[in-house]
C-alpha atoms as a PDB file:
ATOM      1  CA  UNK A   1      -0.033  -0.284   0.145  1.00  0.00           C
ATOM      2  CA  UNK A   2       1.572   3.134  -1.032  1.00  0.00           C
ATOM      3  CA  UNK A   3       1.384   7.043   0.494  1.00  0.00           C
ATOM      4  CA  UNK A   4      -0.786   9.954  -0.612  1.00  0.00           C
ATOM      5  CA  UNK A   5       0.279  13.364  -0.239  1.00  0.00           C
ATOM      6  CA  UNK A   6      -2.048  16.654  -1.085  1.00  0.00           C
ATOM      7  CA  UNK A   7      -0.832  19.942  -1.295  1.00  0.00           C
ATOM      8  CA  UNK A   8      -3.292  21.474   1.709  1.00  0.00           C
ATOM      9  CA  UNK A   9      -3.469  25.407   2.311  1.00  0.00           C
ATOM     10  CA  UNK A  10      -4.276  25.761   5.897  1.00  0.00           C
ATOM     11  CA  UNK A  11      -6.070  29.520   6.797  1.00  0.00           C
ATOM     12  CA  UNK A  12      -7.400  31.344  10.036  1.00  0.00           C
ATOM     13  CA  UNK A  13     -11.107  31.870   9.736  1.00  0.00           C
ATOM     14  CA  UNK A  14     -10.958  34.741   9.184  1.00  0.00           C
ATOM     15  CA  UNK A  15      -8.404  34.483   6.306  1.00  0.00           C
ATOM     16  CA  UNK A  16      -6.550  37.477   7.811  1.00  0.00           C
ATOM     17  CA  UNK A  17      -3.112  35.336   7.805  1.00  0.00           C
ATOM     18  CA  UNK A  18      -1.510  32.551   6.186  1.00  0.00           C
ATOM     19  CA  UNK A  19      -1.954  30.510   4.448  1.00  0.00           C
ATOM     20  CA  UNK A  20       0.273  27.698   5.592  1.00  0.00           C
ATOM     21  CA  UNK A  21       0.975  25.795   2.459  1.00  0.00           C
ATOM     22  CA  UNK A  22       2.874  22.501   2.779  1.00  0.00           C
ATOM     23  CA  UNK A  23       1.897  18.814   1.153  1.00  0.00           C
ATOM     24  CA  UNK A  24      -0.290  16.953   3.611  1.00  0.00           C
ATOM     25  CA  UNK A  25      -0.095  13.531   4.455  1.00  0.00           C
ATOM     26  CA  UNK A  26      -3.566  11.508   3.948  1.00  0.00           C
ATOM     27  CA  UNK A  27      -3.879   9.857   6.537  1.00  0.00           C
ATOM     28  CA  UNK A  28      -7.258   7.790   6.630  1.00  0.00           C
ATOM     29  CA  UNK A  29      -6.784   6.203  10.110  1.00  0.00           C
ATOM     30  CA  UNK A  30      -7.016   9.940  11.730  1.00  0.00           C
ATOM     31  CA  UNK A  31     -10.132  11.402  12.449  1.00  0.00           C
ATOM     32  CA  UNK A  32      -8.353  15.528  12.390  1.00  0.00           C
ATOM     33  CA  UNK A  33      -5.784  17.306  10.989  1.00  0.00           C
ATOM     34  CA  UNK A  34      -2.378  17.979  12.493  1.00  0.00           C
ATOM     35  CA  UNK A  35       0.288  20.915  11.712  1.00  0.00           C
ATOM     36  CA  UNK A  36       3.432  21.864  13.449  1.00  0.00           C
ATOM     37  CA  UNK A  37       2.268  24.146  16.351  1.00  0.00           C
ATOM     38  CA  UNK A  38       4.814  27.137  15.339  1.00  0.00           C
ATOM     39  CA  UNK A  39       2.615  26.870  11.885  1.00  0.00           C
ATOM     40  CA  UNK A  40      -0.561  27.514  13.250  1.00  0.00           C
ATOM     41  CA  UNK A  41       0.485  30.012  15.701  1.00  0.00           C
ATOM     42  CA  UNK A  42       2.085  31.658  12.796  1.00  0.00           C
ATOM     43  CA  UNK A  43      -1.031  32.207  10.975  1.00  0.00           C
ATOM     44  CA  UNK A  44      -3.007  33.184  13.946  1.00  0.00           C
ATOM     45  CA  UNK A  45      -4.760  29.946  14.640  1.00  0.00           C
ATOM     46  CA  UNK A  46      -6.145  30.415  18.134  1.00  0.00           C
ATOM     47  CA  UNK A  47      -6.009  27.322  20.653  1.00  0.00           C
ATOM     48  CA  UNK A  48      -9.609  26.186  21.648  1.00  0.00           C
ATOM     49  CA  UNK A  49      -9.314  23.214  23.973  1.00  0.00           C
ATOM     50  CA  UNK A  50      -7.474  20.014  24.624  1.00  0.00           C
ATOM     51  CA  UNK A  51      -8.537  16.517  23.770  1.00  0.00           C
ATOM     52  CA  UNK A  52      -6.283  12.840  24.556  1.00  0.00           C
ATOM     53  CA  UNK A  53      -5.561  11.337  21.398  1.00  0.00           C
ATOM     54  CA  UNK A  54      -4.111   7.379  20.817  1.00  0.00           C
ATOM     55  CA  UNK A  55      -1.364   6.893  18.507  1.00  0.00           C
ATOM     56  CA  UNK A  56      -0.807   4.185  16.479  1.00  0.00           C
ATOM     57  CA  UNK A  57       1.674   2.440  19.248  1.00  0.00           C
ATOM     58  CA  UNK A  58      -1.225   2.771  21.498  1.00  0.00           C
ATOM     59  CA  UNK A  59       0.278   5.663  23.546  1.00  0.00           C
ATOM     60  CA  UNK A  60      -2.268   8.291  24.481  1.00  0.00           C
ATOM     61  CA  UNK A  61      -1.504  11.737  24.372  1.00  0.00           C
ATOM     62  CA  UNK A  62      -3.205  15.066  25.237  1.00  0.00           C
ATOM     63  CA  UNK A  63      -3.245  17.964  21.920  1.00  0.00           C
ATOM     64  CA  UNK A  64      -4.185  21.592  21.879  1.00  0.00           C
ATOM     65  CA  UNK A  65      -7.002  21.732  19.064  1.00  0.00           C
ATOM     66  CA  UNK A  66      -8.158  24.998  16.979  1.00  0.00           C
ATOM     67  CA  UNK A  67     -10.470  25.745  13.899  1.00  0.00           C
ATOM     68  CA  UNK A  68      -9.148  26.253  10.722  1.00  0.00           C
ATOM     69  CA  UNK A  69     -10.080  26.829   6.868  1.00  0.00           C
ATOM     70  CA  UNK A  70      -8.634  23.996   4.970  1.00  0.00           C
ATOM     71  CA  UNK A  71      -8.005  23.797   1.279  1.00  0.00           C
ATOM     72  CA  UNK A  72      -6.998  21.525  -1.408  1.00  0.00           C
ATOM     73  CA  UNK A  73      -7.679  20.597  -4.986  1.00  0.00           C
ATOM     74  CA  UNK A  74      -9.998  23.372  -5.346  1.00  0.00           C
ATOM     75  CA  UNK A  75     -12.391  22.710  -2.123  1.00  0.00           C
ATOM     76  CA  UNK A  76     -12.416  24.136   1.194  1.00  0.00           C
ATOM     77  CA  UNK A  77     -14.420  23.249   4.435  1.00  0.00           C
ATOM     78  CA  UNK A  78     -14.156  24.480   8.124  1.00  0.00           C
ATOM     79  CA  UNK A  79     -12.234  22.094  10.485  1.00  0.00           C
ATOM     80  CA  UNK A  80     -10.290  21.311  13.638  1.00  0.00           C
ATOM     81  CA  UNK A  81      -6.429  20.690  13.569  1.00  0.00           C
ATOM     82  CA  UNK A  82      -4.418  19.418  16.363  1.00  0.00           C
ATOM     83  CA  UNK A  83      -1.403  21.491  17.288  1.00  0.00           C
ATOM     84  CA  UNK A  84       1.225  19.080  16.648  1.00  0.00           C
ATOM     85  CA  UNK A  85       5.200  18.932  17.946  1.00  0.00           C
ATOM     86  CA  UNK A  86       7.822  20.918  16.388  1.00  0.00           C
ATOM     87  CA  UNK A  87       8.683  19.359  12.966  1.00  0.00           C
ATOM     88  CA  UNK A  88       5.375  16.740  12.998  1.00  0.00           C
ATOM     89  CA  UNK A  89       4.685  15.893   9.283  1.00  0.00           C
ATOM     90  CA  UNK A  90       1.364  17.398   8.537  1.00  0.00           C
ATOM     91  CA  UNK A  91      -1.906  15.221   8.348  1.00  0.00           C
ATOM     92  CA  UNK A  92      -4.644  15.277   6.078  1.00  0.00           C
ATOM     93  CA  UNK A  93      -7.770  13.429   8.586  1.00  0.00           C
ATOM     94  CA  UNK A  94     -10.439  11.269   7.279  1.00  0.00           C
ATOM     95  CA  UNK A  95     -13.076  14.084   8.536  1.00  0.00           C
ATOM     96  CA  UNK A  96     -12.026  16.616   6.368  1.00  0.00           C
ATOM     97  CA  UNK A  97     -11.707  13.889   2.963  1.00  0.00           C
ATOM     98  CA  UNK A  98     -15.313  13.121   3.922  1.00  0.00           C
ATOM     99  CA  UNK A  99     -16.556  16.586   4.488  1.00  0.00           C
ATOM    100  CA  UNK A 100     -15.224  17.726   0.996  1.00  0.00           C
ATOM    101  CA  UNK A 101     -16.409  13.989  -0.911  1.00  0.00           C
ATOM    102  CA  UNK A 102     -13.035  12.129  -1.209  1.00  0.00           C
ATOM    103  CA  UNK A 103     -11.902   8.716  -0.866  1.00  0.00           C
ATOM    104  CA  UNK A 104      -8.671   7.465  -1.131  1.00  0.00           C
ATOM    105  CA  UNK A 105      -8.345   5.473  -4.663  1.00  0.00           C
ATOM    106  CA  UNK A 106      -6.345   2.558  -3.316  1.00  0.00           C
ATOM    107  CA  UNK A 107      -5.430   1.195  -7.018  1.00  0.00           C
ATOM    108  CA  UNK A 108      -3.696   4.512  -7.717  1.00  0.00           C
ATOM    109  CA  UNK A 109      -3.418   6.327  -4.380  1.00  0.00           C
ATOM    110  CA  UNK A 110      -5.034   9.203  -5.298  1.00  0.00           C
ATOM    111  CA  UNK A 111      -7.781  11.415  -3.777  1.00  0.00           C
ATOM    112  CA  UNK A 112     -10.406  11.020  -5.870  1.00  0.00           C
ATOM    113  CA  UNK A 113     -13.705  12.844  -6.073  1.00  0.00           C
ATOM    114  CA  UNK A 114     -17.076  11.657  -4.945  1.00  0.00           C
ATOM    115  CA  UNK A 115     -19.961  12.093  -6.853  1.00  0.00           C
ATOM    116  CA  UNK A 116     -23.144  13.541  -5.027  1.00  0.00           C
ATOM    117  CA  UNK A 117     -23.718  12.219  -1.703  1.00  0.00           C
ATOM    118  CA  UNK A 118     -27.025  10.754  -0.489  1.00  0.00           C
ATOM    119  CA  UNK A 119     -28.800  12.771   1.654  1.00  0.00           C
ATOM    120  CA  UNK A 120     -31.792  10.261   2.315  1.00  0.00           C
END
């Protein structure tokens, strides 16, 4: 199984600073997005609350979170984001993918836009 990355821009909610732009790892095993705290702070993202996450190795870690605008492949949504450790690889979590109607094609490891989503 391959790895998927996508060029992603993160803005504060008012779009007054930024963006922070990077190649984000598309991680369908991660609920939320994550970016280095120092990059989020540079563009004025506010820390709103803390939450505990379980890492792949079973370790539980408490992180601070905030709200951002996330944009990639011509789409944009608002999401919560984890203030990650210095130097952490930015992660695009599954909630953002689902909110924007994207899935990872397992054959090509590319993001694929879905058609109409059911509202029934």
